[in-house]
Amino acid sequence: MVAIANTLVMAFSRRDREIASLILLGVTPGQVRRMVVVEALLVTGLGFGVAAMFLAIGLNGYHTALSHSLLATQVQLPWQELIGLGVACLVAATVTSLIAVSRILGRPAMAMVAARE
């Protein structure tokens, strides 16, 4: 989860001009926060979905390999822990994104747009 938070903080540190431009175009800070929350939820949810797909492919391979051997076993997953991890990642991404965008919204928009990279 530290990696998720670190990645999001670095991503938002590069988006201050974009967010400042939105503010200057009339987007309210509340709309920016909602946009950030939806973006964080979509990206994290998509990442969790892709990870689940690869997990299913890998477990299918294990099940197929084990079913043809002498050691026929049942493959079981700790579903509660996996869902808890997914929810924790969603919460971490959302909170980190809101904190990062709040720091950006606290600065004057004109100064951020005029600043050179």
Protein backbone atom coordinates (compact mmCIF):
# COMPACT_ATOMS: atom_id res chain seq x y z
CA MET A 1 0.00 0.00 0.00
CA VAL A 2 2.97 2.28 0.50
CA ALA A 3 3.78 1.75 -3.19
CA ILE A 4 0.25 2.78 -4.16
CA ALA A 5 0.46 5.93 -2.05
CA ASN A 6 3.93 6.81 -3.32
CA THR A 7 2.91 6.36 -6.95
CA LEU A 8 -0.17 8.53 -6.53
CA VAL A 9 1.73 11.31 -4.75
CA MET A 10 4.33 11.37 -7.54
CA ALA A 11 1.59 11.38 -10.19
CA PHE A 12 -0.21 14.31 -8.58
CA SER A 13 3.00 16.27 -8.15
CA ARG A 14 3.16 16.48 -11.94
CA ARG A 15 -0.51 17.44 -12.38
CA ASP A 16 -0.58 20.77 -10.58
CA ARG A 17 -0.74 22.79 -13.81
CA GLU A 18 -3.57 20.61 -15.13
CA ILE A 19 -5.60 21.04 -11.94
CA ALA A 20 -4.85 24.78 -11.82
CA SER A 21 -6.07 25.10 -15.41
CA LEU A 22 -9.30 23.36 -14.47
CA ILE A 23 -9.78 25.76 -11.56
CA LEU A 24 -9.18 28.76 -13.85
CA LEU A 25 -11.75 27.36 -16.29
CA GLY A 26 -14.38 27.38 -13.55
CA VAL A 27 -14.27 23.88 -12.12
CA THR A 28 -14.94 24.01 -8.38
CA PRO A 29 -12.57 22.39 -5.87
CA GLY A 30 -15.36 19.95 -4.96
CA GLN A 31 -15.62 18.85 -8.59
CA VAL A 32 -11.86 18.37 -8.73
CA ARG A 33 -11.98 16.23 -5.59
CA ARG A 34 -14.82 14.12 -7.00
CA MET A 35 -12.89 13.67 -10.24
CA VAL A 36 -9.83 12.55 -8.28
CA VAL A 37 -11.84 10.08 -6.17
CA VAL A 38 -13.48 8.54 -9.24
CA GLU A 39 -10.12 8.33 -10.99
CA ALA A 40 -8.48 6.65 -7.98
CA LEU A 41 -11.32 4.16 -7.62
CA LEU A 42 -11.32 3.30 -11.33
CA VAL A 43 -7.56 2.87 -11.59
CA THR A 44 -7.30 0.82 -8.40
CA GLY A 45 -10.36 -1.26 -9.27
CA LEU A 46 -9.01 -1.93 -12.75
CA GLY A 47 -5.64 -2.94 -11.30
CA PHE A 48 -7.34 -5.27 -8.83
CA GLY A 49 -9.41 -6.76 -11.67
CA VAL A 50 -6.36 -7.39 -13.84
CA ALA A 51 -4.56 -8.98 -10.89
CA ALA A 52 -7.58 -11.19 -10.22
CA MET A 53 -7.63 -12.27 -13.88
CA PHE A 54 -3.98 -13.31 -13.78
CA LEU A 55 -4.56 -15.06 -10.46
CA ALA A 56 -7.43 -17.03 -11.99
CA ILE A 57 -5.29 -18.00 -15.00
CA GLY A 58 -2.45 -19.15 -12.74
CA LEU A 59 -4.74 -21.11 -10.45
CA ASN A 60 -6.40 -22.75 -13.43
CA GLY A 61 -2.97 -23.88 -14.59
CA TYR A 62 -2.16 -25.28 -11.14
CA HIS A 63 -5.49 -27.07 -10.98
CA THR A 64 -5.03 -28.58 -14.44
CA ALA A 65 -1.49 -29.71 -13.66
CA LEU A 66 -2.44 -31.19 -10.31
CA SER A 67 -5.55 -32.94 -11.61
CA HIS A 68 -3.42 -34.99 -14.04
CA SER A 69 -0.96 -36.09 -11.38
CA LEU A 70 -1.25 -38.63 -8.64
CA LEU A 71 -1.69 -35.85 -6.08
CA ALA A 72 -5.16 -34.58 -6.91
CA THR A 73 -5.74 -31.61 -4.60
CA GLN A 74 -8.27 -28.88 -4.21
CA VAL A 75 -7.07 -25.31 -4.77
CA GLN A 76 -8.55 -22.93 -2.20
CA LEU A 77 -8.21 -19.18 -1.86
CA PRO A 78 -8.52 -16.99 1.22
CA TRP A 79 -11.36 -14.90 -0.25
CA GLN A 80 -11.92 -12.71 2.81
CA GLU A 81 -8.27 -11.70 2.95
CA LEU A 82 -8.13 -10.98 -0.78
CA ILE A 83 -11.28 -8.85 -0.68
CA GLY A 84 -9.95 -7.07 2.42
CA LEU A 85 -6.71 -6.33 0.63
CA GLY A 86 -8.62 -4.94 -2.35
CA VAL A 87 -10.73 -2.70 -0.12
CA ALA A 88 -7.62 -1.53 1.75
CA CYS A 89 -5.97 -0.62 -1.57
CA LEU A 90 -9.08 1.31 -2.64
CA VAL A 91 -9.13 3.23 0.64
CA ALA A 92 -5.39 3.96 0.50
CA ALA A 93 -5.63 5.19 -3.10
CA THR A 94 -8.64 7.39 -2.37
CA VAL A 95 -7.23 8.96 0.80
CA THR A 96 -3.82 9.55 -0.76
CA SER A 97 -5.35 11.13 -3.85
CA LEU A 98 -7.54 13.42 -1.76
CA ILE A 99 -4.59 14.53 0.37
CA ALA A 100 -2.43 15.17 -2.69
CA VAL A 101 -5.09 17.16 -4.52
CA SER A 102 -5.93 19.14 -1.37
CA ARG A 103 -2.31 20.27 -1.18
CA ILE A 104 -2.51 21.38 -4.81
CA LEU A 105 -5.82 23.18 -4.29
CA GLY A 106 -4.29 25.16 -1.41
CA ARG A 107 -1.95 27.00 -3.77
CA PRO A 108 -2.91 29.92 -6.03
CA ALA A 109 -3.99 28.65 -9.46
CA MET A 110 -2.38 31.48 -11.42
CA ALA A 111 1.00 30.86 -9.84
CA MET A 112 0.85 27.15 -10.71
CA VAL A 113 -0.12 27.78 -14.32
CA ALA A 114 2.58 30.42 -14.77
CA ALA A 115 5.31 28.29 -13.16
CA ARG A 116 7.77 26.61 -15.46
CA GLU A 117 8.52 22.93 -15.13
